[in-house]
N, C-alpha and C. Protein backbone atom coordinates (compact mmCIF):
# COMPACT_ATOMS: atom_id res chain seq x y z
N UNK A 1 0.73 -8.96 -6.82
CA UNK A 1 0.45 -9.57 -5.46
C UNK A 1 -0.79 -10.16 -5.89
N UNK A 2 -0.87 -11.47 -5.19
CA UNK A 2 -2.04 -12.27 -5.48
C UNK A 2 -2.82 -12.44 -4.09
N UNK A 3 -3.84 -12.47 -3.95
CA UNK A 3 -4.92 -12.41 -2.77
C UNK A 3 -4.84 -14.00 -2.45
N UNK A 4 -4.81 -13.95 -1.35
CA UNK A 4 -5.18 -15.59 -0.74
C UNK A 4 -6.85 -15.89 -0.59
N UNK A 5 -6.78 -17.16 -0.62
CA UNK A 5 -8.40 -17.48 -0.81
C UNK A 5 -9.30 -16.73 0.33
N UNK A 6 -8.54 -16.36 1.77
CA UNK A 6 -9.24 -15.75 2.78
C UNK A 6 -9.28 -14.30 2.42
N UNK A 7 -8.18 -13.93 1.92
CA UNK A 7 -8.49 -12.44 1.54
C UNK A 7 -9.64 -12.34 0.42
N UNK A 8 -9.67 -13.13 -0.35
CA UNK A 8 -10.68 -12.95 -1.61
C UNK A 8 -12.24 -13.01 -0.89
N UNK A 9 -12.47 -13.93 0.04
CA UNK A 9 -13.55 -14.35 0.62
C UNK A 9 -13.95 -12.53 1.45
N UNK A 10 -12.71 -12.24 2.11
CA UNK A 10 -12.92 -10.79 2.81
C UNK A 10 -13.50 -9.88 2.02
N UNK A 11 -12.76 -9.82 0.71
CA UNK A 11 -13.00 -8.70 -0.13
C UNK A 11 -14.33 -8.69 -0.67
N UNK A 12 -14.97 -10.07 -0.81
CA UNK A 12 -16.10 -10.17 -1.22
C UNK A 12 -17.18 -9.68 -0.17
N UNK A 13 -17.03 -9.73 0.99
CA UNK A 13 -17.81 -9.51 2.30
C UNK A 13 -17.70 -7.94 2.31
N UNK A 14 -16.58 -7.38 2.31
CA UNK A 14 -16.57 -5.72 2.49
C UNK A 14 -17.19 -5.27 1.16
N UNK A 15 -16.65 -5.63 0.06
CA UNK A 15 -17.47 -4.97 -1.02
C UNK A 15 -19.05 -5.09 -1.18
N UNK A 16 -19.75 -6.40 -0.55
CA UNK A 16 -21.12 -6.11 -0.05
C UNK A 16 -21.65 -5.24 0.66
N UNK A 17 -20.83 -4.96 1.41
CA UNK A 17 -20.96 -4.12 2.68
C UNK A 17 -21.12 -2.50 2.23
N UNK A 18 -20.46 -2.49 1.12
CA UNK A 18 -20.57 -1.04 0.46
C UNK A 18 -18.97 -0.45 0.65
N UNK A 19 -17.80 -1.21 1.02
CA UNK A 19 -16.61 -0.43 1.48
C UNK A 19 -16.41 -0.20 -0.05
N UNK A 20 -15.42 0.89 -0.11
CA UNK A 20 -14.75 1.23 -1.22
C UNK A 20 -13.27 0.48 -1.53
N UNK A 21 -13.02 0.74 -2.88
CA UNK A 21 -11.51 -0.36 -2.84
C UNK A 21 -10.64 0.27 -2.46
N UNK A 22 -10.33 1.46 -1.97
CA UNK A 22 -9.33 1.94 -1.33
C UNK A 22 -9.47 1.69 0.07
N UNK A 23 -10.70 1.55 0.88
CA UNK A 23 -10.94 0.97 2.26
C UNK A 23 -10.53 -0.54 2.38
N UNK A 24 -10.90 -1.27 1.22
CA UNK A 24 -10.56 -2.50 1.20
C UNK A 24 -9.15 -3.11 1.17
N UNK A 25 -8.45 -1.87 0.07
CA UNK A 25 -7.16 -2.07 0.03
C UNK A 25 -6.43 -1.89 1.31
N UNK A 26 -6.76 -0.87 2.27
CA UNK A 26 -6.36 -0.71 3.29
C UNK A 26 -6.35 -1.72 4.18
N UNK A 27 -7.67 -2.33 4.28
CA UNK A 27 -8.04 -3.32 5.48
C UNK A 27 -7.18 -4.58 5.13
N UNK A 28 -7.05 -5.07 3.79
CA UNK A 28 -6.50 -6.35 3.56
C UNK A 28 -4.56 -6.03 3.11
N UNK A 29 -4.28 -4.53 3.66
CA UNK A 29 -2.88 -4.26 3.50
C UNK A 29 -2.22 -4.58 1.94
N UNK A 30 -2.89 -4.15 1.15
CA UNK A 30 -2.71 -4.32 -0.45
C UNK A 30 -2.84 -2.88 -1.09
N UNK A 31 -2.83 -2.98 -2.58
CA UNK A 31 -2.96 -1.80 -3.10
C UNK A 31 -4.31 -1.69 -3.70
N UNK A 32 -4.73 -0.42 -4.05
CA UNK A 32 -6.16 -0.30 -4.59
C UNK A 32 -5.94 -1.08 -6.13
N UNK A 33 -4.83 -1.23 -6.91
CA UNK A 33 -4.84 -1.63 -8.05
C UNK A 33 -5.00 -3.17 -7.95
N UNK A 34 -4.48 -3.62 -6.78
CA UNK A 34 -4.63 -5.20 -6.49
C UNK A 34 -6.08 -5.41 -6.33
N UNK A 35 -6.95 -4.64 -5.94
CA UNK A 35 -8.35 -4.78 -5.20
C UNK A 35 -9.16 -4.96 -6.68
N UNK A 36 -8.69 -3.57 -7.57
CA UNK A 36 -9.55 -3.30 -8.29
C UNK A 36 -9.32 -4.77 -9.64
N UNK A 37 -7.98 -5.20 -9.94
CA UNK A 37 -7.80 -6.30 -10.64
C UNK A 37 -8.34 -7.45 -10.20
N UNK A 38 -8.50 -7.65 -9.01
CA UNK A 38 -9.43 -8.80 -8.21
C UNK A 38 -10.92 -8.95 -8.53
N UNK A 39 -11.36 -7.34 -8.31
CA UNK A 39 -12.84 -7.41 -8.79
C UNK A 39 -13.29 -7.42 -10.27
N UNK A 40 -12.23 -7.10 -11.01
CA UNK A 40 -12.55 -7.07 -12.56
C UNK A 40 -12.41 -8.97 -12.57
N UNK A 41 -11.45 -9.62 -12.22
CA UNK A 41 -11.24 -10.84 -12.40
C UNK A 41 -12.55 -11.74 -11.79
N UNK A 42 -12.86 -11.36 -10.79
CA UNK A 42 -14.19 -11.89 -10.25
C UNK A 42 -15.41 -12.00 -11.01
N UNK A 43 -15.55 -10.56 -11.50
CA UNK A 43 -16.95 -10.24 -12.38
C UNK A 43 -16.55 -10.88 -13.60
N UNK A 44 -15.57 -11.26 -14.48
CA UNK A 44 -15.40 -11.96 -15.46
C UNK A 44 -15.88 -13.52 -15.18
N UNK A 45 -15.37 -14.01 -13.96
CA UNK A 45 -15.65 -15.55 -13.91
C UNK A 45 -17.11 -15.51 -13.30
N UNK A 46 -17.59 -14.69 -12.96
CA UNK A 46 -19.02 -14.70 -12.56
C UNK A 46 -19.96 -14.60 -13.76
N UNK A 47 -19.43 -13.81 -14.99
CA UNK A 47 -20.15 -14.17 -16.17
C UNK A 47 -20.00 -15.31 -16.93
N UNK A 48 -18.77 -15.84 -16.37
CA UNK A 48 -18.79 -17.25 -17.02
C UNK A 48 -19.22 -18.29 -16.44
N UNK A 49 -19.08 -18.46 -15.20
CA UNK A 49 -19.64 -19.52 -14.56
C UNK A 49 -21.01 -19.34 -13.54
N UNK A 50 -21.61 -17.96 -13.44
CA UNK A 50 -22.29 -17.67 -12.53
C UNK A 50 -22.02 -16.95 -11.17
N UNK A 51 -22.49 -16.23 -10.78
CA UNK A 51 -22.15 -15.48 -9.57
C UNK A 51 -22.21 -16.46 -8.36
N UNK A 52 -23.11 -17.14 -8.03
CA UNK A 52 -23.40 -18.27 -7.13
C UNK A 52 -22.04 -18.95 -6.74
N UNK A 53 -21.45 -19.70 -8.38
CA UNK A 53 -20.35 -20.15 -8.20
C UNK A 53 -19.25 -19.66 -7.51
N UNK A 54 -19.00 -18.08 -8.04
CA UNK A 54 -17.67 -17.73 -7.74
C UNK A 54 -17.69 -17.39 -6.09
N UNK A 55 -18.83 -16.89 -5.82
CA UNK A 55 -19.23 -16.37 -4.30
C UNK A 55 -19.05 -17.90 -3.51
N UNK A 56 -19.62 -18.75 -3.85
CA UNK A 56 -19.27 -19.86 -3.06
C UNK A 56 -17.95 -20.45 -2.99
N UNK A 57 -17.46 -20.69 -4.12
CA UNK A 57 -15.91 -20.94 -4.15
C UNK A 57 -14.84 -19.94 -3.24
N UNK A 58 -15.44 -18.82 -3.41
CA UNK A 58 -14.42 -17.74 -2.47
C UNK A 58 -14.82 -18.02 -0.93
N UNK A 59 -16.09 -18.21 -0.70
CA UNK A 59 -16.38 -18.49 0.92
C UNK A 59 -15.87 -20.00 1.15
N UNK A 60 -15.81 -21.09 0.40
CA UNK A 60 -15.26 -22.20 0.69
C UNK A 60 -13.90 -22.15 0.72
N UNK A 61 -13.22 -21.35 -0.04
CA UNK A 61 -11.65 -21.54 -0.06
C UNK A 61 -11.21 -20.32 0.98
N UNK A 62 -11.73 -19.54 1.51
CA UNK A 62 -11.45 -18.49 2.31
C UNK A 62 -11.93 -18.95 3.99
N UNK A 63 -12.94 -19.56 3.99
CA UNK A 63 -13.65 -19.57 5.13
C UNK A 63 -13.52 -21.09 5.67
N UNK A 64 -13.08 -21.90 4.82
CA UNK A 64 -13.16 -23.43 5.53
C UNK A 64 -12.72 -23.85 6.76
N UNK A 65 -13.15 -24.10 7.57
CA UNK A 65 -12.75 -24.26 9.03
C UNK A 65 -12.80 -23.10 9.95
N UNK A 66 -12.56 -22.04 9.34
CA UNK A 66 -12.58 -20.79 10.16
C UNK A 66 -14.11 -20.20 10.70
N UNK A 67 -14.91 -20.22 9.60
CA UNK A 67 -16.29 -19.81 9.93
C UNK A 67 -17.46 -20.82 10.06
N UNK A 68 -16.82 -22.29 10.59
CA UNK A 68 -17.63 -23.27 10.79
C UNK A 68 -18.40 -23.37 11.52
N UNK A 69 -19.94 -23.34 11.21
CA UNK A 69 -20.96 -23.12 12.53
C UNK A 69 -21.54 -21.61 12.18
N UNK A 70 -20.87 -20.74 11.69
CA UNK A 70 -21.31 -19.21 11.43
C UNK A 70 -21.90 -19.13 10.47
N UNK A 71 -23.06 -18.53 10.65
CA UNK A 71 -23.93 -18.08 9.88
C UNK A 71 -23.66 -16.68 8.93
N UNK A 72 -23.78 -16.50 8.03
CA UNK A 72 -23.47 -15.22 7.06
C UNK A 72 -23.94 -13.93 7.45
N UNK A 73 -24.93 -14.22 8.27
CA UNK A 73 -25.40 -12.83 9.13
C UNK A 73 -24.78 -12.42 10.16
N UNK A 74 -24.00 -13.60 10.69
CA UNK A 74 -23.50 -13.20 11.94
C UNK A 74 -22.18 -12.36 11.30
N UNK A 75 -21.48 -13.38 10.57
CA UNK A 75 -20.38 -12.57 9.89
C UNK A 75 -20.63 -10.93 9.20
N UNK A 76 -21.59 -11.00 8.84
CA UNK A 76 -21.88 -9.45 8.50
C UNK A 76 -22.00 -8.59 9.44
N UNK A 77 -22.76 -8.98 10.74
CA UNK A 77 -22.80 -8.11 11.96
C UNK A 77 -21.51 -7.78 12.34
N UNK A 78 -20.54 -8.89 12.26
CA UNK A 78 -19.23 -8.74 13.11
C UNK A 78 -18.31 -7.29 12.06
N UNK A 79 -18.51 -7.71 10.77
CA UNK A 79 -17.97 -6.80 9.78
C UNK A 79 -18.44 -5.55 9.99
N UNK A 80 -19.73 -5.26 10.38
CA UNK A 80 -20.51 -3.75 10.48
C UNK A 80 -19.92 -3.29 11.87
N UNK A 81 -19.81 -4.15 12.60
CA UNK A 81 -19.18 -3.53 14.10
C UNK A 81 -17.80 -3.02 13.91
N UNK A 82 -17.00 -4.01 13.31
CA UNK A 82 -15.57 -3.40 12.70
C UNK A 82 -15.12 -2.11 12.27
N UNK A 83 -16.45 -2.05 11.36
CA UNK A 83 -16.17 -0.66 10.54
C UNK A 83 -16.75 0.60 11.23
N UNK A 84 -17.69 0.35 12.16
CA UNK A 84 -17.96 1.46 12.81
C UNK A 84 -17.30 1.71 14.12
N UNK A 85 -16.03 0.77 14.45
CA UNK A 85 -15.18 1.00 15.40
C UNK A 85 -13.82 1.58 14.65
N UNK A 86 -13.62 1.55 13.36
CA UNK A 86 -12.59 1.86 12.65
C UNK A 86 -12.34 3.47 12.49
């Protein structure tokens, strides 16, 4: 199962917050194998084109329109709040 650009952006945010592959898989309603594969793929891409390029592409693909005007700090605050409430 391929992840959507929005799911990839969410995956990157959650991983940056320290979530495990199992926790991310549950949140995104997919398997831990899919998350592991996607992380491996993103790591390979970051080695080839740079981490900033991969991260920016994921954010643009997954958050275009939805996060207009919201800073990355605000997004991290929201995610931390959600994690504490789960």
